[in-house]
PDB file of all heavy atoms in Angstrom:
ATOM      1  N   GLY A   1     -11.164  28.958  50.168  1.00  0.00           N
ATOM      2  CA  GLY A   1     -10.818  29.616  48.911  1.00  0.00           C
ATOM      3  C   GLY A   1     -11.900  30.576  48.458  1.00  0.00           C
ATOM      4  O   GLY A   1     -11.615  31.647  47.908  1.00  0.00           O
ATOM      5  N   ILE A   2     -13.156  30.197  48.682  1.00  0.00           N
ATOM      6  CA  ILE A   2     -14.271  31.088  48.360  1.00  0.00           C
ATOM      7  C   ILE A   2     -14.303  32.266  49.336  1.00  0.00           C
ATOM      8  O   ILE A   2     -14.461  33.424  48.944  1.00  0.00           O
ATOM      9  CB  ILE A   2     -15.610  30.318  48.407  1.00  0.00           C
ATOM     10  CG1 ILE A   2     -15.634  29.222  47.334  1.00  0.00           C
ATOM     11  CG2 ILE A   2     -16.780  31.267  48.223  1.00  0.00           C
ATOM     12  CD1 ILE A   2     -16.835  28.291  47.444  1.00  0.00           C
ATOM     13  N   MET A   3     -14.111  31.963  50.613  1.00  0.00           N
ATOM     14  CA  MET A   3     -14.250  32.983  51.650  1.00  0.00           C
ATOM     15  C   MET A   3     -13.189  34.064  51.593  1.00  0.00           C
ATOM     16  O   MET A   3     -13.439  35.198  51.990  1.00  0.00           O
ATOM     17  CB  MET A   3     -14.223  32.321  53.029  1.00  0.00           C
ATOM     18  CG  MET A   3     -15.435  31.470  53.333  1.00  0.00           C
ATOM     19  SD  MET A   3     -15.351  30.727  54.981  1.00  0.00           S
ATOM     20  CE  MET A   3     -16.885  29.762  54.972  1.00  0.00           C
ATOM     21  N   ARG A   4     -12.003  33.746  51.126  1.00  0.00           N
ATOM     22  CA  ARG A   4     -10.956  34.765  51.140  1.00  0.00           C
ATOM     23  C   ARG A   4     -11.199  35.885  50.132  1.00  0.00           C
ATOM     24  O   ARG A   4     -10.504  36.898  50.165  1.00  0.00           O
ATOM     25  CB  ARG A   4      -9.584  34.127  50.914  1.00  0.00           C
ATOM     26  CG  ARG A   4      -9.278  33.575  49.578  1.00  0.00           C
ATOM     27  CD  ARG A   4      -7.801  33.216  49.463  1.00  0.00           C
ATOM     28  NE  ARG A   4      -7.486  32.562  48.220  1.00  0.00           N
ATOM     29  CZ  ARG A   4      -7.271  31.257  48.116  1.00  0.00           C
ATOM     30  NH1 ARG A   4      -7.334  30.477  49.179  1.00  0.00           N
ATOM     31  NH2 ARG A   4      -6.995  30.727  46.931  1.00  0.00           N
ATOM     32  N   HIS A   5     -12.191  35.712  49.276  1.00  0.00           N
ATOM     33  CA  HIS A   5     -12.577  36.787  48.375  1.00  0.00           C
ATOM     34  C   HIS A   5     -13.583  37.739  49.021  1.00  0.00           C
ATOM     35  O   HIS A   5     -14.014  38.700  48.385  1.00  0.00           O
ATOM     36  CB  HIS A   5     -13.184  36.208  47.095  1.00  0.00           C
ATOM     37  CG  HIS A   5     -12.204  35.448  46.250  1.00  0.00           C
ATOM     38  ND1 HIS A   5     -11.400  36.059  45.308  1.00  0.00           N
ATOM     39  CD2 HIS A   5     -11.909  34.132  46.195  1.00  0.00           C
ATOM     40  CE1 HIS A   5     -10.657  35.143  44.710  1.00  0.00           C
ATOM     41  NE2 HIS A   5     -10.945  33.969  45.216  1.00  0.00           N
ATOM     42  N   HIS A   6     -13.955  37.475  50.276  1.00  0.00           N
ATOM     43  CA  HIS A   6     -14.984  38.269  50.934  1.00  0.00           C
ATOM     44  C   HIS A   6     -14.494  38.765  52.295  1.00  0.00           C
ATOM     45  O   HIS A   6     -13.428  38.370  52.775  1.00  0.00           O
ATOM     46  CB  HIS A   6     -16.264  37.437  51.104  1.00  0.00           C
ATOM     47  CG  HIS A   6     -16.777  36.851  49.840  1.00  0.00           C
ATOM     48  ND1 HIS A   6     -16.389  35.612  49.380  1.00  0.00           N
ATOM     49  CD2 HIS A   6     -17.643  37.312  48.918  1.00  0.00           C
ATOM     50  CE1 HIS A   6     -16.992  35.354  48.227  1.00  0.00           C
ATOM     51  NE2 HIS A   6     -17.762  36.373  47.928  1.00  0.00           N
ATOM     52  N   THR A   7     -15.311  39.619  52.907  1.00  0.00           N
ATOM     53  CA  THR A   7     -14.988  40.177  54.212  1.00  0.00           C
ATOM     54  C   THR A   7     -15.500  39.244  55.302  1.00  0.00           C
ATOM     55  O   THR A   7     -16.636  39.407  55.793  1.00  0.00           O
ATOM     56  CB  THR A   7     -15.623  41.573  54.348  1.00  0.00           C
ATOM     57  OG1 THR A   7     -15.366  42.358  53.179  1.00  0.00           O
ATOM     58  CG2 THR A   7     -15.085  42.302  55.572  1.00  0.00           C
ATOM     59  N   ASN A   8     -14.689  38.272  55.697  1.00  0.00           N
ATOM     60  CA  ASN A   8     -15.179  37.271  56.653  1.00  0.00           C
ATOM     61  C   ASN A   8     -14.046  36.589  57.413  1.00  0.00           C
ATOM     62  O   ASN A   8     -14.037  35.362  57.566  1.00  0.00           O
ATOM     63  CB  ASN A   8     -16.045  36.223  55.932  1.00  0.00           C
ATOM     64  CG  ASN A   8     -15.383  35.682  54.666  1.00  0.00           C
ATOM     65  OD1 ASN A   8     -14.159  35.608  54.591  1.00  0.00           O
ATOM     66  ND2 ASN A   8     -16.193  35.332  53.691  1.00  0.00           N
ATOM     67  N   TYR A   9     -13.083  37.379  57.925  1.00  0.00           N
ATOM     68  CA  TYR A   9     -11.981  36.813  58.685  1.00  0.00           C
ATOM     69  C   TYR A   9     -12.488  36.009  59.877  1.00  0.00           C
ATOM     70  O   TYR A   9     -12.006  34.908  60.150  1.00  0.00           O
ATOM     71  CB  TYR A   9     -11.043  37.925  59.157  1.00  0.00           C
ATOM     72  CG  TYR A   9      -9.879  37.440  59.994  1.00  0.00           C
ATOM     73  CD1 TYR A   9      -8.716  36.979  59.399  1.00  0.00           C
ATOM     74  CD2 TYR A   9      -9.956  37.449  61.391  1.00  0.00           C
ATOM     75  CE1 TYR A   9      -7.640  36.538  60.165  1.00  0.00           C
ATOM     76  CE2 TYR A   9      -8.896  37.009  62.164  1.00  0.00           C
ATOM     77  CZ  TYR A   9      -7.745  36.557  61.546  1.00  0.00           C
ATOM     78  OH  TYR A   9      -6.694  36.110  62.314  1.00  0.00           O
ATOM     79  N   ASN A  10     -13.474  36.532  60.594  1.00  0.00           N
ATOM     80  CA  ASN A  10     -14.007  35.851  61.771  1.00  0.00           C
ATOM     81  C   ASN A  10     -14.643  34.514  61.415  1.00  0.00           C
ATOM     82  O   ASN A  10     -14.535  33.547  62.173  1.00  0.00           O
ATOM     83  CB  ASN A  10     -15.018  36.743  62.493  1.00  0.00           C
ATOM     84  CG  ASN A  10     -14.372  37.936  63.155  1.00  0.00           C
ATOM     85  OD1 ASN A  10     -13.186  37.917  63.470  1.00  0.00           O
ATOM     86  ND2 ASN A  10     -15.146  38.999  63.382  1.00  0.00           N
ATOM     87  N   ILE A  11     -15.334  34.463  60.263  1.00  0.00           N
ATOM     88  CA  ILE A  11     -15.961  33.208  59.849  1.00  0.00           C
ATOM     89  C   ILE A  11     -14.903  32.159  59.534  1.00  0.00           C
ATOM     90  O   ILE A  11     -15.032  30.985  59.920  1.00  0.00           O
ATOM     91  CB  ILE A  11     -16.882  33.447  58.642  1.00  0.00           C
ATOM     92  CG1 ILE A  11     -18.052  34.356  59.021  1.00  0.00           C
ATOM     93  CG2 ILE A  11     -17.421  32.110  58.109  1.00  0.00           C
ATOM     94  CD1 ILE A  11     -18.951  34.721  57.857  1.00  0.00           C
ATOM     95  N   ARG A  12     -13.826  32.558  58.837  1.00  0.00           N
ATOM     96  CA  ARG A  12     -12.739  31.623  58.547  1.00  0.00           C
ATOM     97  C   ARG A  12     -12.126  31.096  59.839  1.00  0.00           C
ATOM     98  O   ARG A  12     -11.816  29.909  59.966  1.00  0.00           O
ATOM     99  CB  ARG A  12     -11.671  32.279  57.672  1.00  0.00           C
ATOM    100  CG  ARG A  12     -12.152  32.778  56.340  1.00  0.00           C
ATOM    101  CD  ARG A  12     -11.016  32.951  55.350  1.00  0.00           C
ATOM    102  NE  ARG A  12      -9.941  33.771  55.845  1.00  0.00           N
ATOM    103  CZ  ARG A  12      -9.860  35.094  55.669  1.00  0.00           C
ATOM    104  NH1 ARG A  12     -10.828  35.734  55.011  1.00  0.00           N
ATOM    105  NH2 ARG A  12      -8.845  35.794  56.148  1.00  0.00           N
ATOM    106  N   GLN A  13     -11.939  31.980  60.792  1.00  0.00           N
ATOM    107  CA  GLN A  13     -11.368  31.594  62.087  1.00  0.00           C
ATOM    108  C   GLN A  13     -12.271  30.604  62.813  1.00  0.00           C
ATOM    109  O   GLN A  13     -11.804  29.589  63.349  1.00  0.00           O
ATOM    110  CB  GLN A  13     -11.148  32.845  62.937  1.00  0.00           C
ATOM    111  CG  GLN A  13     -10.296  32.632  64.178  1.00  0.00           C
ATOM    112  CD  GLN A  13     -10.070  33.937  64.914  1.00  0.00           C
ATOM    113  OE1 GLN A  13     -10.950  34.811  64.962  1.00  0.00           O
ATOM    114  NE2 GLN A  13      -8.900  34.106  65.488  1.00  0.00           N
ATOM    115  N   ARG A  14     -13.573  30.882  62.823  1.00  0.00           N
ATOM    116  CA  ARG A  14     -14.536  29.984  63.472  1.00  0.00           C
ATOM    117  C   ARG A  14     -14.618  28.640  62.767  1.00  0.00           C
ATOM    118  O   ARG A  14     -14.761  27.591  63.409  1.00  0.00           O
ATOM    119  CB  ARG A  14     -15.906  30.646  63.515  1.00  0.00           C
ATOM    120  CG  ARG A  14     -16.064  31.746  64.543  1.00  0.00           C
ATOM    121  CD  ARG A  14     -17.364  32.533  64.285  1.00  0.00           C
ATOM    122  NE  ARG A  14     -18.479  31.630  64.024  1.00  0.00           N
ATOM    123  CZ  ARG A  14     -19.503  31.953  63.242  1.00  0.00           C
ATOM    124  NH1 ARG A  14     -19.518  33.138  62.613  1.00  0.00           N
ATOM    125  NH2 ARG A  14     -20.483  31.089  63.029  1.00  0.00           N
ATOM    126  N   LEU A  15     -14.533  28.657  61.445  1.00  0.00           N
ATOM    127  CA  LEU A  15     -14.621  27.418  60.684  1.00  0.00           C
ATOM    128  C   LEU A  15     -13.467  26.481  61.022  1.00  0.00           C
ATOM    129  O   LEU A  15     -13.679  25.287  61.260  1.00  0.00           O
ATOM    130  CB  LEU A  15     -14.630  27.728  59.182  1.00  0.00           C
ATOM    131  CG  LEU A  15     -14.806  26.525  58.240  1.00  0.00           C
ATOM    132  CD1 LEU A  15     -16.200  25.941  58.386  1.00  0.00           C
ATOM    133  CD2 LEU A  15     -14.553  26.922  56.789  1.00  0.00           C
ATOM    134  N   ILE A  16     -12.256  27.004  61.048  1.00  0.00           N
ATOM    135  CA  ILE A  16     -11.098  26.176  61.375  1.00  0.00           C
ATOM    136  C   ILE A  16     -11.139  25.740  62.832  1.00  0.00           C
ATOM    137  O   ILE A  16     -10.761  24.609  63.178  1.00  0.00           O
ATOM    138  CB  ILE A  16      -9.796  26.932  61.046  1.00  0.00           C
ATOM    139  CG1 ILE A  16      -9.687  27.112  59.523  1.00  0.00           C
ATOM    140  CG2 ILE A  16      -8.576  26.187  61.579  1.00  0.00           C
ATOM    141  CD1 ILE A  16      -8.477  27.886  59.075  1.00  0.00           C
ATOM    142  N   ALA A  17     -11.622  26.625  63.718  1.00  0.00           N
ATOM    143  CA  ALA A  17     -11.740  26.274  65.130  1.00  0.00           C
ATOM    144  C   ALA A  17     -12.735  25.129  65.344  1.00  0.00           C
ATOM    145  O   ALA A  17     -12.644  24.400  66.341  1.00  0.00           O
ATOM    146  CB  ALA A  17     -12.159  27.494  65.943  1.00  0.00           C
ATOM    147  N   ALA A  18     -13.693  24.977  64.418  1.00  0.00           N
ATOM    148  CA  ALA A  18     -14.701  23.921  64.542  1.00  0.00           C
ATOM    149  C   ALA A  18     -14.160  22.537  64.213  1.00  0.00           C
ATOM    150  O   ALA A  18     -14.822  21.529  64.500  1.00  0.00           O
ATOM    151  CB  ALA A  18     -15.889  24.232  63.640  1.00  0.00           C
ATOM    152  N   ILE A  19     -12.963  22.455  63.621  1.00  0.00           N
ATOM    153  CA  ILE A  19     -12.359  21.156  63.309  1.00  0.00           C
ATOM    154  C   ILE A  19     -12.000  20.456  64.611  1.00  0.00           C
ATOM    155  O   ILE A  19     -11.321  21.016  65.475  1.00  0.00           O
ATOM    156  CB  ILE A  19     -11.116  21.319  62.409  1.00  0.00           C
ATOM    157  CG1 ILE A  19     -11.493  22.002  61.085  1.00  0.00           C
ATOM    158  CG2 ILE A  19     -10.469  19.968  62.136  1.00  0.00           C
ATOM    159  CD1 ILE A  19     -10.305  22.327  60.206  1.00  0.00           C
ATOM    160  N   ASP A  20     -12.418  19.225  64.774  1.00  0.00           N
ATOM    161  CA  ASP A  20     -12.201  18.458  65.993  1.00  0.00           C
ATOM    162  C   ASP A  20     -10.716  18.291  66.292  1.00  0.00           C
ATOM    163  O   ASP A  20      -9.884  18.193  65.374  1.00  0.00           O
ATOM    164  CB  ASP A  20     -12.858  17.089  65.851  1.00  0.00           C
ATOM    165  CG  ASP A  20     -12.917  16.335  67.161  1.00  0.00           C
ATOM    166  OD1 ASP A  20     -13.863  16.553  67.923  1.00  0.00           O
ATOM    167  OD2 ASP A  20     -12.004  15.543  67.420  1.00  0.00           O
ATOM    168  N   ASP A  21     -10.384  18.259  67.597  1.00  0.00           N
ATOM    169  CA  ASP A  21      -8.990  18.128  68.021  1.00  0.00           C
ATOM    170  C   ASP A  21      -8.336  16.862  67.483  1.00  0.00           C
ATOM    171  O   ASP A  21      -7.114  16.819  67.310  1.00  0.00           O
ATOM    172  CB  ASP A  21      -8.899  18.136  69.550  1.00  0.00           C
ATOM    173  CG  ASP A  21      -9.208  19.510  70.140  1.00  0.00           C
ATOM    174  OD1 ASP A  21      -9.106  20.515  69.401  1.00  0.00           O
ATOM    175  OD2 ASP A  21      -9.571  19.572  71.340  1.00  0.00           O
ATOM    176  N   GLY A  22      -9.133  15.838  67.223  1.00  0.00           N
ATOM    177  CA  GLY A  22      -8.577  14.598  66.691  1.00  0.00           C
ATOM    178  C   GLY A  22      -7.926  14.742  65.333  1.00  0.00           C
ATOM    179  O   GLY A  22      -7.070  13.941  64.937  1.00  0.00           O
ATOM    180  N   TRP A  23      -8.315  15.767  64.586  1.00  0.00           N
ATOM    181  CA  TRP A  23      -7.727  16.043  63.273  1.00  0.00           C
ATOM    182  C   TRP A  23      -6.495  16.950  63.354  1.00  0.00           C
ATOM    183  O   TRP A  23      -5.731  17.028  62.387  1.00  0.00           O
ATOM    184  CB  TRP A  23      -8.763  16.709  62.358  1.00  0.00           C
ATOM    185  CG  TRP A  23      -9.929  15.871  61.978  1.00  0.00           C
ATOM    186  CD1 TRP A  23     -11.170  15.900  62.542  1.00  0.00           C
ATOM    187  CD2 TRP A  23      -9.987  14.898  60.936  1.00  0.00           C
ATOM    188  NE1 TRP A  23     -12.001  14.994  61.915  1.00  0.00           N
ATOM    189  CE2 TRP A  23     -11.286  14.361  60.921  1.00  0.00           C
ATOM    190  CE3 TRP A  23      -9.057  14.416  60.010  1.00  0.00           C
ATOM    191  CZ2 TRP A  23     -11.701  13.379  60.029  1.00  0.00           C
ATOM    192  CZ3 TRP A  23      -9.461  13.429  59.113  1.00  0.00           C
ATOM    193  CH2 TRP A  23     -10.758  12.913  59.124  1.00  0.00           C
ATOM    194  N   ARG A  24      -6.333  17.671  64.472  1.00  0.00           N
ATOM    195  CA  ARG A  24      -5.335  18.736  64.541  1.00  0.00           C
ATOM    196  C   ARG A  24      -3.899  18.278  64.344  1.00  0.00           C
ATOM    197  O   ARG A  24      -3.065  19.007  63.812  1.00  0.00           O
ATOM    198  CB  ARG A  24      -5.449  19.481  65.869  1.00  0.00           C
ATOM    199  CG  ARG A  24      -6.759  20.247  66.063  1.00  0.00           C
ATOM    200  CD  ARG A  24      -6.980  21.219  64.908  1.00  0.00           C
ATOM    201  NE  ARG A  24      -8.188  21.985  64.985  1.00  0.00           N
ATOM    202  CZ  ARG A  24      -8.272  23.229  65.449  1.00  0.00           C
ATOM    203  NH1 ARG A  24      -7.171  23.834  65.883  1.00  0.00           N
ATOM    204  NH2 ARG A  24      -9.436  23.846  65.493  1.00  0.00           N
ATOM    205  N   LYS A  25      -3.575  17.050  64.811  1.00  0.00           N
ATOM    206  CA  LYS A  25      -2.199  16.592  64.670  1.00  0.00           C
ATOM    207  C   LYS A  25      -1.816  16.294  63.218  1.00  0.00           C
ATOM    208  O   LYS A  25      -0.637  16.148  62.896  1.00  0.00           O
ATOM    209  CB  LYS A  25      -1.952  15.360  65.535  1.00  0.00           C
ATOM    210  CG  LYS A  25      -2.699  14.105  65.100  1.00  0.00           C
ATOM    211  CD  LYS A  25      -2.357  12.948  66.003  1.00  0.00           C
ATOM    212  CE  LYS A  25      -3.067  11.664  65.592  1.00  0.00           C
ATOM    213  NZ  LYS A  25      -2.747  10.538  66.508  1.00  0.00           N
ATOM    214  N   TYR A  26      -2.824  16.228  62.341  1.00  0.00           N
ATOM    215  CA  TYR A  26      -2.564  15.908  60.937  1.00  0.00           C
ATOM    216  C   TYR A  26      -2.435  17.157  60.058  1.00  0.00           C
ATOM    217  O   TYR A  26      -2.048  17.050  58.899  1.00  0.00           O
ATOM    218  CB  TYR A  26      -3.686  15.028  60.366  1.00  0.00           C
ATOM    219  CG  TYR A  26      -3.859  13.703  61.074  1.00  0.00           C
ATOM    220  CD1 TYR A  26      -4.957  13.480  61.898  1.00  0.00           C
ATOM    221  CD2 TYR A  26      -2.934  12.690  60.925  1.00  0.00           C
ATOM    222  CE1 TYR A  26      -5.137  12.272  62.540  1.00  0.00           C
ATOM    223  CE2 TYR A  26      -3.097  11.467  61.575  1.00  0.00           C
ATOM    224  CZ  TYR A  26      -4.196  11.273  62.381  1.00  0.00           C
ATOM    225  OH  TYR A  26      -4.374  10.059  63.029  1.00  0.00           O
ATOM    226  N   ILE A  27      -2.774  18.339  60.589  1.00  0.00           N
ATOM    227  CA  ILE A  27      -2.852  19.527  59.748  1.00  0.00           C
ATOM    228  C   ILE A  27      -2.042  20.693  60.324  1.00  0.00           C
ATOM    229  O   ILE A  27      -1.729  20.724  61.518  1.00  0.00           O
ATOM    230  CB  ILE A  27      -4.312  19.980  59.547  1.00  0.00           C
ATOM    231  CG1 ILE A  27      -4.939  20.409  60.871  1.00  0.00           C
ATOM    232  CG2 ILE A  27      -5.130  18.909  58.864  1.00  0.00           C
ATOM    233  CD1 ILE A  27      -6.332  21.033  60.737  1.00  0.00           C
ATOM    234  N   THR A  28      -1.708  21.632  59.451  1.00  0.00           N
ATOM    235  CA  THR A  28      -1.171  22.931  59.847  1.00  0.00           C
ATOM    236  C   THR A  28      -2.118  23.999  59.321  1.00  0.00           C
ATOM    237  O   THR A  28      -2.813  23.796  58.318  1.00  0.00           O
ATOM    238  CB  THR A  28       0.244  23.165  59.296  1.00  0.00           C
ATOM    239  OG1 THR A  28       0.215  23.112  57.860  1.00  0.00           O
ATOM    240  CG2 THR A  28       1.212  22.114  59.835  1.00  0.00           C
ATOM    241  N   ILE A  29      -2.113  25.145  60.002  1.00  0.00           N
ATOM    242  CA  ILE A  29      -3.060  26.212  59.674  1.00  0.00           C
ATOM    243  C   ILE A  29      -2.300  27.466  59.282  1.00  0.00           C
ATOM    244  O   ILE A  29      -1.372  27.891  59.982  1.00  0.00           O
ATOM    245  CB  ILE A  29      -3.982  26.509  60.870  1.00  0.00           C
ATOM    246  CG1 ILE A  29      -4.731  25.230  61.291  1.00  0.00           C
ATOM    247  CG2 ILE A  29      -4.979  27.614  60.523  1.00  0.00           C
ATOM    248  CD1 ILE A  29      -5.449  25.356  62.614  1.00  0.00           C
ATOM    249  N   ALA A  30      -2.684  28.066  58.141  1.00  0.00           N
ATOM    250  CA  ALA A  30      -2.075  29.330  57.721  1.00  0.00           C
ATOM    251  C   ALA A  30      -2.425  30.430  58.716  1.00  0.00           C
ATOM    252  O   ALA A  30      -3.524  30.444  59.287  1.00  0.00           O
ATOM    253  CB  ALA A  30      -2.556  29.709  56.327  1.00  0.00           C
TER     254      ALA A  30
END
C-alpha cells in the first residue's frame, strides 16, 4: 500500500516473489 504511491514496480514484484512457495496455495496476487 505504501509502495504503490511510488515508482517501484520492480520492488513490488521482487517482494511478492520472495514469499515462500509454502504460502502460495493460500494467496492470490493482483
